[in-house]
N, C-alpha and C. Protein backbone atom coordinates (compact mmCIF):
# COMPACT_ATOMS: atom_id res chain seq x y z
N MET A 1 63.11 34.00 10.11
CA MET A 1 62.35 33.41 11.16
C MET A 1 61.28 32.51 10.58
N GLY A 2 61.14 31.36 11.15
CA GLY A 2 60.13 30.42 10.66
C GLY A 2 58.84 30.54 11.44
N VAL A 3 57.79 30.00 10.89
CA VAL A 3 56.48 29.98 11.56
C VAL A 3 56.44 28.76 12.46
N GLN A 4 55.99 29.00 13.68
CA GLN A 4 55.92 27.89 14.62
C GLN A 4 54.54 27.26 14.50
N VAL A 5 54.50 25.97 14.27
CA VAL A 5 53.24 25.23 14.11
C VAL A 5 53.13 24.22 15.23
N THR A 6 52.01 24.22 15.90
CA THR A 6 51.77 23.22 16.96
C THR A 6 50.80 22.17 16.44
N GLU A 7 50.68 21.05 17.17
CA GLU A 7 49.79 19.95 16.79
C GLU A 7 48.34 20.42 16.67
N ASN A 8 47.88 21.31 17.55
CA ASN A 8 46.48 21.69 17.61
C ASN A 8 46.13 22.86 16.70
N SER A 9 47.04 23.37 15.98
CA SER A 9 46.77 24.53 15.15
C SER A 9 46.36 24.09 13.75
N GLU A 10 45.02 24.02 13.51
CA GLU A 10 44.52 23.65 12.18
C GLU A 10 44.63 24.80 11.21
N MET A 11 44.62 26.03 11.73
CA MET A 11 44.67 27.21 10.87
C MET A 11 45.97 27.26 10.09
N ALA A 12 47.07 26.80 10.68
CA ALA A 12 48.36 26.91 10.04
C ALA A 12 48.64 25.76 9.08
N LYS A 13 47.81 24.70 9.12
CA LYS A 13 48.03 23.55 8.25
C LYS A 13 47.53 23.85 6.85
N PRO A 14 48.28 23.49 5.86
CA PRO A 14 47.79 23.70 4.50
C PRO A 14 46.66 22.71 4.22
N LYS A 15 45.64 23.14 3.48
CA LYS A 15 44.49 22.30 3.14
C LYS A 15 44.80 21.50 1.89
N SER A 16 44.66 20.22 2.00
CA SER A 16 44.83 19.39 0.82
C SER A 16 43.87 18.21 0.94
N GLY A 17 42.93 18.06 0.02
CA GLY A 17 41.98 16.95 0.05
C GLY A 17 40.89 17.19 1.09
N VAL A 18 40.33 16.11 1.58
CA VAL A 18 39.23 16.15 2.54
C VAL A 18 39.78 15.89 3.93
N SER A 19 39.33 16.69 4.89
CA SER A 19 39.82 16.51 6.26
C SER A 19 39.16 15.30 6.92
N ARG A 20 39.79 14.79 7.97
CA ARG A 20 39.22 13.67 8.71
C ARG A 20 37.88 14.05 9.31
N ARG A 21 37.74 15.27 9.76
CA ARG A 21 36.48 15.74 10.36
C ARG A 21 35.34 15.67 9.34
N THR A 22 35.59 16.05 8.10
CA THR A 22 34.57 15.98 7.04
C THR A 22 34.18 14.53 6.78
N VAL A 23 35.15 13.63 6.75
CA VAL A 23 34.87 12.21 6.53
C VAL A 23 34.02 11.66 7.65
N VAL A 24 34.34 12.00 8.90
CA VAL A 24 33.59 11.51 10.05
C VAL A 24 32.16 12.04 10.01
N LYS A 25 31.97 13.32 9.67
CA LYS A 25 30.62 13.89 9.58
C LYS A 25 29.81 13.17 8.51
N GLY A 26 30.41 12.89 7.37
CA GLY A 26 29.72 12.18 6.29
C GLY A 26 29.33 10.78 6.69
N THR A 27 30.20 10.09 7.43
CA THR A 27 29.93 8.73 7.89
C THR A 27 28.77 8.73 8.88
N ALA A 28 28.70 9.72 9.74
CA ALA A 28 27.62 9.78 10.73
C ALA A 28 26.27 9.87 10.05
N TRP A 29 26.18 10.56 8.94
CA TRP A 29 24.90 10.67 8.22
C TRP A 29 24.59 9.40 7.43
N ALA A 30 25.59 8.70 6.96
CA ALA A 30 25.37 7.52 6.12
C ALA A 30 24.82 6.35 6.91
N VAL A 31 25.22 6.16 8.14
CA VAL A 31 24.79 5.00 8.92
C VAL A 31 23.28 4.99 9.14
N PRO A 32 22.65 6.09 9.61
CA PRO A 32 21.20 6.04 9.79
C PRO A 32 20.45 5.78 8.49
N ALA A 33 20.95 6.24 7.36
CA ALA A 33 20.27 6.01 6.08
C ALA A 33 20.21 4.53 5.76
N VAL A 34 21.25 3.80 6.06
CA VAL A 34 21.26 2.35 5.82
C VAL A 34 20.26 1.67 6.72
N VAL A 35 20.20 2.07 7.99
CA VAL A 35 19.26 1.48 8.93
C VAL A 35 17.83 1.72 8.48
N VAL A 36 17.49 2.94 8.06
CA VAL A 36 16.16 3.26 7.59
C VAL A 36 15.82 2.47 6.35
N ALA A 37 16.74 2.35 5.43
CA ALA A 37 16.47 1.63 4.18
C ALA A 37 16.18 0.16 4.45
N THR A 38 16.82 -0.46 5.41
CA THR A 38 16.56 -1.87 5.68
C THR A 38 15.32 -2.06 6.53
N ALA A 39 14.89 -1.05 7.27
CA ALA A 39 13.71 -1.18 8.11
C ALA A 39 12.41 -1.04 7.32
N ALA A 40 12.42 -0.37 6.17
CA ALA A 40 11.19 -0.12 5.42
C ALA A 40 10.47 -1.40 4.99
N PRO A 41 11.13 -2.41 4.40
CA PRO A 41 10.39 -3.62 4.04
C PRO A 41 9.82 -4.35 5.25
N ALA A 42 10.53 -4.36 6.36
CA ALA A 42 10.02 -5.01 7.56
C ALA A 42 8.78 -4.29 8.08
N MET A 43 8.79 -2.96 8.04
CA MET A 43 7.65 -2.19 8.48
C MET A 43 6.45 -2.46 7.57
N ALA A 44 6.65 -2.55 6.26
CA ALA A 44 5.56 -2.82 5.33
C ALA A 44 4.95 -4.19 5.60
N ALA A 45 5.77 -5.18 5.88
CA ALA A 45 5.27 -6.52 6.17
C ALA A 45 4.46 -6.52 7.45
N GLY A 46 4.92 -5.82 8.49
CA GLY A 46 4.20 -5.75 9.75
C GLY A 46 2.90 -4.99 9.62
N ALA A 47 2.90 -3.93 8.81
CA ALA A 47 1.71 -3.11 8.64
C ALA A 47 0.57 -3.91 8.01
N SER A 48 0.89 -4.83 7.11
CA SER A 48 -0.17 -5.60 6.46
C SER A 48 -0.91 -6.48 7.45
N GLN A 49 -0.27 -6.85 8.56
CA GLN A 49 -0.93 -7.66 9.58
C GLN A 49 -1.97 -6.85 10.35
N CYS A 50 -1.92 -5.54 10.23
CA CYS A 50 -2.87 -4.66 10.92
C CYS A 50 -4.08 -4.31 10.05
N LEU A 51 -4.10 -4.77 8.82
CA LEU A 51 -5.14 -4.36 7.87
C LEU A 51 -6.16 -5.47 7.63
N THR A 52 -7.44 -5.08 7.61
CA THR A 52 -8.52 -6.01 7.27
C THR A 52 -9.36 -5.37 6.18
N ALA A 53 -9.50 -6.07 5.05
CA ALA A 53 -10.29 -5.57 3.93
C ALA A 53 -11.75 -5.98 4.09
N THR A 54 -12.65 -5.07 3.71
CA THR A 54 -14.09 -5.34 3.70
C THR A 54 -14.71 -4.56 2.55
N PHE A 55 -15.98 -4.83 2.30
CA PHE A 55 -16.78 -4.02 1.36
C PHE A 55 -17.82 -3.26 2.18
N SER A 56 -18.03 -1.99 1.86
CA SER A 56 -19.00 -1.18 2.60
C SER A 56 -20.42 -1.60 2.24
N ALA A 57 -21.39 -1.02 2.95
CA ALA A 57 -22.80 -1.29 2.71
C ALA A 57 -23.25 -0.78 1.33
N LEU A 58 -22.44 0.07 0.69
CA LEU A 58 -22.76 0.54 -0.66
C LEU A 58 -22.48 -0.53 -1.71
N SER A 59 -21.80 -1.60 -1.32
CA SER A 59 -21.42 -2.66 -2.26
C SER A 59 -22.58 -3.63 -2.47
N CYS A 60 -22.66 -4.16 -3.69
CA CYS A 60 -23.70 -5.14 -4.00
C CYS A 60 -23.29 -5.98 -5.20
N LYS A 61 -24.04 -7.07 -5.40
CA LYS A 61 -23.81 -7.96 -6.54
C LYS A 61 -25.10 -8.01 -7.34
N GLN A 62 -24.96 -7.98 -8.65
CA GLN A 62 -26.09 -8.06 -9.56
C GLN A 62 -26.22 -9.50 -10.05
N PRO A 63 -27.44 -10.06 -9.99
CA PRO A 63 -27.59 -11.43 -10.49
C PRO A 63 -27.10 -11.54 -11.92
N GLY A 64 -26.46 -12.65 -12.21
CA GLY A 64 -25.90 -12.84 -13.54
C GLY A 64 -26.96 -13.12 -14.58
N SER A 65 -26.79 -12.51 -15.73
CA SER A 65 -27.63 -12.84 -16.87
C SER A 65 -26.74 -13.65 -17.80
N GLY A 66 -26.99 -14.94 -17.88
CA GLY A 66 -26.05 -15.81 -18.56
C GLY A 66 -24.92 -16.09 -17.58
N ASN A 67 -23.70 -15.75 -17.94
CA ASN A 67 -22.56 -15.97 -17.06
C ASN A 67 -21.92 -14.69 -16.57
N ASN A 68 -22.58 -13.56 -16.72
CA ASN A 68 -21.98 -12.29 -16.29
C ASN A 68 -22.60 -11.82 -14.99
N PHE A 69 -21.78 -11.75 -13.96
CA PHE A 69 -22.20 -11.24 -12.67
C PHE A 69 -21.51 -9.90 -12.47
N GLY A 70 -22.29 -8.91 -12.10
CA GLY A 70 -21.74 -7.57 -11.90
C GLY A 70 -21.64 -7.25 -10.42
N TYR A 71 -20.55 -6.64 -10.04
CA TYR A 71 -20.32 -6.23 -8.66
C TYR A 71 -20.05 -4.73 -8.65
N ARG A 72 -20.71 -4.02 -7.75
CA ARG A 72 -20.41 -2.61 -7.50
C ARG A 72 -19.81 -2.59 -6.10
N LEU A 73 -18.56 -2.14 -5.99
CA LEU A 73 -17.81 -2.32 -4.75
C LEU A 73 -17.21 -1.03 -4.22
N GLN A 74 -17.38 -0.83 -2.94
CA GLN A 74 -16.60 0.19 -2.24
C GLN A 74 -15.69 -0.58 -1.30
N ILE A 75 -14.39 -0.55 -1.59
CA ILE A 75 -13.40 -1.32 -0.84
C ILE A 75 -12.93 -0.49 0.35
N CYS A 76 -12.95 -1.13 1.53
CA CYS A 76 -12.55 -0.46 2.77
C CYS A 76 -11.46 -1.28 3.46
N PHE A 77 -10.65 -0.61 4.26
CA PHE A 77 -9.65 -1.27 5.09
C PHE A 77 -9.75 -0.72 6.50
N THR A 78 -9.64 -1.61 7.49
CA THR A 78 -9.55 -1.23 8.89
C THR A 78 -8.11 -1.42 9.32
N ASN A 79 -7.56 -0.42 10.02
CA ASN A 79 -6.17 -0.41 10.46
C ASN A 79 -6.12 -0.53 11.98
N THR A 80 -5.60 -1.64 12.50
CA THR A 80 -5.47 -1.81 13.95
C THR A 80 -4.08 -1.42 14.46
N CYS A 81 -3.20 -0.92 13.59
CA CYS A 81 -1.86 -0.48 14.00
C CYS A 81 -1.95 0.89 14.69
N ALA A 82 -0.85 1.28 15.30
CA ALA A 82 -0.77 2.57 15.99
C ALA A 82 -0.32 3.70 15.08
N THR A 83 -0.06 3.42 13.80
CA THR A 83 0.36 4.45 12.85
C THR A 83 -0.49 4.37 11.60
N ASP A 84 -0.58 5.49 10.88
CA ASP A 84 -1.30 5.52 9.61
C ASP A 84 -0.59 4.61 8.61
N ILE A 85 -1.36 3.99 7.71
CA ILE A 85 -0.79 3.11 6.69
C ILE A 85 -1.33 3.55 5.33
N THR A 86 -0.42 3.76 4.39
CA THR A 86 -0.83 4.10 3.02
C THR A 86 -0.65 2.86 2.17
N ILE A 87 -1.73 2.51 1.47
CA ILE A 87 -1.72 1.32 0.61
C ILE A 87 -2.16 1.71 -0.79
N THR A 88 -1.80 0.88 -1.75
CA THR A 88 -2.33 1.00 -3.11
C THR A 88 -3.12 -0.27 -3.39
N ILE A 89 -4.40 -0.10 -3.62
CA ILE A 89 -5.24 -1.24 -3.98
C ILE A 89 -4.99 -1.46 -5.46
N THR A 90 -4.41 -2.62 -5.80
CA THR A 90 -3.94 -2.86 -7.16
C THR A 90 -4.99 -3.49 -8.07
N ARG A 91 -5.75 -4.47 -7.53
CA ARG A 91 -6.72 -5.16 -8.38
C ARG A 91 -7.68 -5.97 -7.53
N ILE A 92 -8.70 -6.52 -8.19
CA ILE A 92 -9.67 -7.41 -7.55
C ILE A 92 -9.92 -8.57 -8.48
N GLN A 93 -10.16 -9.74 -7.91
CA GLN A 93 -10.38 -10.94 -8.71
C GLN A 93 -11.25 -11.91 -7.93
N ALA A 94 -12.16 -12.61 -8.61
CA ALA A 94 -13.01 -13.60 -7.96
C ALA A 94 -12.18 -14.74 -7.42
N ASN A 95 -12.72 -15.45 -6.46
CA ASN A 95 -11.99 -16.53 -5.81
C ASN A 95 -11.72 -17.72 -6.73
N THR A 96 -12.35 -17.78 -7.87
CA THR A 96 -12.14 -18.92 -8.78
C THR A 96 -10.76 -18.87 -9.42
N GLY A 97 -10.16 -17.71 -9.48
CA GLY A 97 -8.83 -17.58 -10.07
C GLY A 97 -8.86 -17.49 -11.58
N SER A 98 -9.88 -18.07 -12.19
CA SER A 98 -9.96 -18.03 -13.65
C SER A 98 -10.75 -16.83 -14.14
N ALA A 99 -11.51 -16.22 -13.24
CA ALA A 99 -12.29 -15.05 -13.62
C ALA A 99 -11.35 -13.89 -13.93
N PRO A 100 -11.80 -12.91 -14.68
CA PRO A 100 -10.90 -11.79 -15.01
C PRO A 100 -10.46 -11.03 -13.77
N SER A 101 -9.30 -10.41 -13.87
CA SER A 101 -8.76 -9.56 -12.83
C SER A 101 -9.00 -8.11 -13.24
N GLN A 102 -9.59 -7.33 -12.35
CA GLN A 102 -9.91 -5.93 -12.65
C GLN A 102 -8.86 -5.03 -12.02
N PRO A 103 -8.07 -4.30 -12.83
CA PRO A 103 -7.09 -3.36 -12.25
C PRO A 103 -7.79 -2.20 -11.56
N ILE A 104 -7.21 -1.76 -10.45
CA ILE A 104 -7.77 -0.62 -9.70
C ILE A 104 -6.72 0.47 -9.57
N ASN A 105 -5.58 0.16 -8.97
CA ASN A 105 -4.44 1.08 -8.81
C ASN A 105 -4.84 2.44 -8.23
N ARG A 106 -5.48 2.39 -7.07
CA ARG A 106 -5.86 3.61 -6.35
C ARG A 106 -5.25 3.56 -4.95
N THR A 107 -4.78 4.72 -4.49
CA THR A 107 -4.10 4.81 -3.20
C THR A 107 -5.08 5.26 -2.11
N LEU A 108 -4.87 4.69 -0.92
CA LEU A 108 -5.73 4.98 0.22
C LEU A 108 -4.87 5.05 1.47
N THR A 109 -5.04 6.09 2.27
CA THR A 109 -4.37 6.17 3.57
C THR A 109 -5.38 5.81 4.64
N VAL A 110 -5.03 4.82 5.47
CA VAL A 110 -5.91 4.35 6.52
C VAL A 110 -5.35 4.84 7.86
N PRO A 111 -6.05 5.76 8.52
CA PRO A 111 -5.54 6.29 9.79
C PRO A 111 -5.43 5.21 10.86
N ALA A 112 -4.52 5.41 11.80
CA ALA A 112 -4.31 4.47 12.90
C ALA A 112 -5.62 4.24 13.66
N GLY A 113 -5.96 2.97 13.87
CA GLY A 113 -7.14 2.62 14.66
C GLY A 113 -8.47 2.96 14.00
N GLN A 114 -8.48 3.18 12.70
CA GLN A 114 -9.72 3.59 12.03
C GLN A 114 -9.93 2.79 10.74
N GLN A 115 -11.07 3.06 10.11
CA GLN A 115 -11.39 2.47 8.81
C GLN A 115 -11.42 3.58 7.77
N ALA A 116 -10.98 3.24 6.55
CA ALA A 116 -11.06 4.18 5.43
C ALA A 116 -11.52 3.39 4.21
N CYS A 117 -12.31 4.03 3.36
CA CYS A 117 -12.85 3.40 2.16
C CYS A 117 -12.45 4.21 0.94
N LEU A 118 -12.31 3.52 -0.19
CA LEU A 118 -12.06 4.24 -1.44
C LEU A 118 -13.25 5.15 -1.71
N PRO A 119 -13.00 6.40 -2.01
CA PRO A 119 -14.11 7.28 -2.35
C PRO A 119 -14.64 6.94 -3.74
N PRO A 120 -15.86 7.42 -4.06
CA PRO A 120 -16.37 7.19 -5.41
C PRO A 120 -15.39 7.71 -6.45
N PRO A 121 -15.39 7.15 -7.64
CA PRO A 121 -16.36 6.19 -8.14
C PRO A 121 -16.14 4.80 -7.56
N LEU A 122 -17.24 4.07 -7.36
CA LEU A 122 -17.15 2.71 -6.87
C LEU A 122 -16.56 1.82 -7.96
N VAL A 123 -15.96 0.73 -7.55
CA VAL A 123 -15.32 -0.19 -8.49
C VAL A 123 -16.39 -1.09 -9.09
N ILE A 124 -16.41 -1.19 -10.40
CA ILE A 124 -17.30 -2.13 -11.09
C ILE A 124 -16.45 -3.32 -11.52
N TYR A 125 -16.88 -4.49 -11.09
CA TYR A 125 -16.15 -5.72 -11.41
C TYR A 125 -17.12 -6.69 -12.07
N CYS A 126 -16.71 -7.26 -13.18
CA CYS A 126 -17.53 -8.24 -13.91
C CYS A 126 -16.84 -9.59 -13.87
N SER A 127 -17.63 -10.62 -13.55
CA SER A 127 -17.06 -11.95 -13.42
C SER A 127 -17.97 -12.95 -14.11
N ASN A 128 -17.37 -14.05 -14.53
CA ASN A 128 -18.17 -15.10 -15.15
C ASN A 128 -18.63 -16.13 -14.12
N SER A 129 -18.44 -15.83 -12.83
CA SER A 129 -18.92 -16.73 -11.78
C SER A 129 -19.49 -15.92 -10.63
N SER A 130 -20.40 -16.53 -9.92
CA SER A 130 -20.97 -15.91 -8.72
C SER A 130 -20.10 -16.32 -7.55
N ALA A 131 -19.06 -15.56 -7.29
CA ALA A 131 -18.05 -15.92 -6.30
C ALA A 131 -18.57 -15.78 -4.88
N ASN A 132 -18.13 -16.68 -4.00
CA ASN A 132 -18.45 -16.58 -2.58
C ASN A 132 -17.64 -15.47 -1.92
N PHE A 133 -16.46 -15.24 -2.44
CA PHE A 133 -15.64 -14.14 -1.95
C PHE A 133 -14.79 -13.62 -3.09
N LEU A 134 -14.29 -12.41 -2.92
CA LEU A 134 -13.43 -11.77 -3.91
C LEU A 134 -12.07 -11.51 -3.26
N ASN A 135 -11.01 -11.64 -4.03
CA ASN A 135 -9.67 -11.35 -3.54
C ASN A 135 -9.34 -9.89 -3.84
N VAL A 136 -8.98 -9.16 -2.79
CA VAL A 136 -8.56 -7.77 -2.92
C VAL A 136 -7.04 -7.77 -2.82
N TYR A 137 -6.38 -7.27 -3.86
CA TYR A 137 -4.91 -7.22 -3.92
C TYR A 137 -4.46 -5.80 -3.63
N TYR A 138 -3.38 -5.67 -2.86
CA TYR A 138 -2.88 -4.35 -2.47
C TYR A 138 -1.40 -4.41 -2.13
N ARG A 139 -0.79 -3.23 -2.05
CA ARG A 139 0.62 -3.07 -1.63
C ARG A 139 0.66 -2.06 -0.49
N VAL A 140 1.49 -2.35 0.50
CA VAL A 140 1.77 -1.39 1.56
C VAL A 140 3.05 -0.69 1.15
N GLY A 141 2.95 0.61 0.91
CA GLY A 141 4.12 1.36 0.43
C GLY A 141 4.61 0.78 -0.88
N THR A 142 5.90 0.43 -0.92
CA THR A 142 6.47 -0.16 -2.13
C THR A 142 6.69 -1.66 -1.96
N GLY A 143 6.06 -2.23 -0.94
CA GLY A 143 6.22 -3.66 -0.66
C GLY A 143 5.58 -4.54 -1.72
N PRO A 144 5.67 -5.85 -1.54
CA PRO A 144 5.12 -6.80 -2.51
C PRO A 144 3.59 -6.80 -2.49
N GLU A 145 3.00 -7.22 -3.58
CA GLU A 145 1.54 -7.33 -3.65
C GLU A 145 1.07 -8.43 -2.71
N GLN A 146 0.00 -8.15 -1.98
CA GLN A 146 -0.61 -9.09 -1.05
C GLN A 146 -2.08 -9.17 -1.37
N SER A 147 -2.78 -10.14 -0.79
CA SER A 147 -4.22 -10.22 -1.03
C SER A 147 -4.96 -10.66 0.22
N GLN A 148 -6.23 -10.30 0.26
CA GLN A 148 -7.14 -10.76 1.30
C GLN A 148 -8.44 -11.18 0.62
N ALA A 149 -9.01 -12.29 1.09
CA ALA A 149 -10.31 -12.74 0.60
C ALA A 149 -11.39 -12.03 1.40
N VAL A 150 -12.36 -11.44 0.68
CA VAL A 150 -13.45 -10.71 1.31
C VAL A 150 -14.77 -11.33 0.85
N ASP A 151 -15.69 -11.57 1.80
CA ASP A 151 -17.00 -12.13 1.44
C ASP A 151 -17.66 -11.26 0.38
N SER A 152 -18.24 -11.92 -0.62
CA SER A 152 -18.95 -11.18 -1.68
C SER A 152 -20.12 -10.43 -1.08
N PRO A 153 -20.44 -9.27 -1.64
CA PRO A 153 -21.59 -8.52 -1.14
C PRO A 153 -22.89 -9.25 -1.52
N PRO A 154 -24.02 -8.90 -0.87
CA PRO A 154 -25.29 -9.56 -1.18
C PRO A 154 -25.77 -9.22 -2.60
N ARG A 155 -26.63 -10.09 -3.12
CA ARG A 155 -27.22 -9.87 -4.45
C ARG A 155 -28.39 -8.90 -4.33
N ASP A 156 -28.08 -7.65 -4.13
CA ASP A 156 -29.19 -6.70 -4.01
C ASP A 156 -29.01 -5.47 -4.90
N CYS A 157 -28.16 -5.53 -5.90
CA CYS A 157 -28.07 -4.45 -6.89
C CYS A 157 -29.30 -4.53 -7.78
N ALA A 158 -29.78 -3.39 -8.19
CA ALA A 158 -30.87 -3.37 -9.18
C ALA A 158 -30.39 -4.05 -10.44
N THR A 159 -31.30 -4.75 -11.12
CA THR A 159 -30.91 -5.49 -12.32
C THR A 159 -30.79 -4.60 -13.54
N THR A 160 -31.33 -3.40 -13.50
CA THR A 160 -31.19 -2.48 -14.61
C THR A 160 -30.67 -1.14 -14.08
N PRO A 161 -29.80 -0.52 -14.78
CA PRO A 161 -29.10 -1.03 -15.97
C PRO A 161 -28.08 -2.09 -15.54
N PRO A 162 -27.78 -3.02 -16.45
CA PRO A 162 -26.80 -4.04 -16.11
C PRO A 162 -25.42 -3.44 -15.88
N LEU A 163 -24.73 -3.93 -14.85
CA LEU A 163 -23.37 -3.45 -14.58
C LEU A 163 -22.39 -4.00 -15.60
N CYS A 164 -22.70 -5.20 -16.12
CA CYS A 164 -21.81 -5.86 -17.07
C CYS A 164 -22.60 -6.24 -18.32
N PRO A 165 -21.98 -6.12 -19.48
CA PRO A 165 -22.69 -6.45 -20.72
C PRO A 165 -22.95 -7.95 -20.85
């Protein structure tokens, strides 16, 4: 007597390789991953439009002795988006472009609709010019480096000790 096998009986079918059901389940998971991966750069670009860089009231500029101007800076960002944004502040540079670039590489999460500032230690930046504004460079997530020009803080740092040699 033989075994009777019907079309709907998966139990009686011998298993060989991967079933169609397994392939379909795997495909269902793969599609959303592709969509998420392509949406991340677009989200990073949109998030940067919600950010405004400023210097807090703790920031100041020290008058230059010779050609060295010292800046003590607390860098802040205001987020007008509806979601939190995490950025990495990469560097700061005077608007002249020829002045040195100071690496920072510190991460900051700016809550939705709020302002957040880098906690101490404050950034010390030395420049050979008294810049009208400083360029703050940053990345949103893993996106490309971007910059914003921020008005230089007032010249009200104490002259001693000098911030820059």
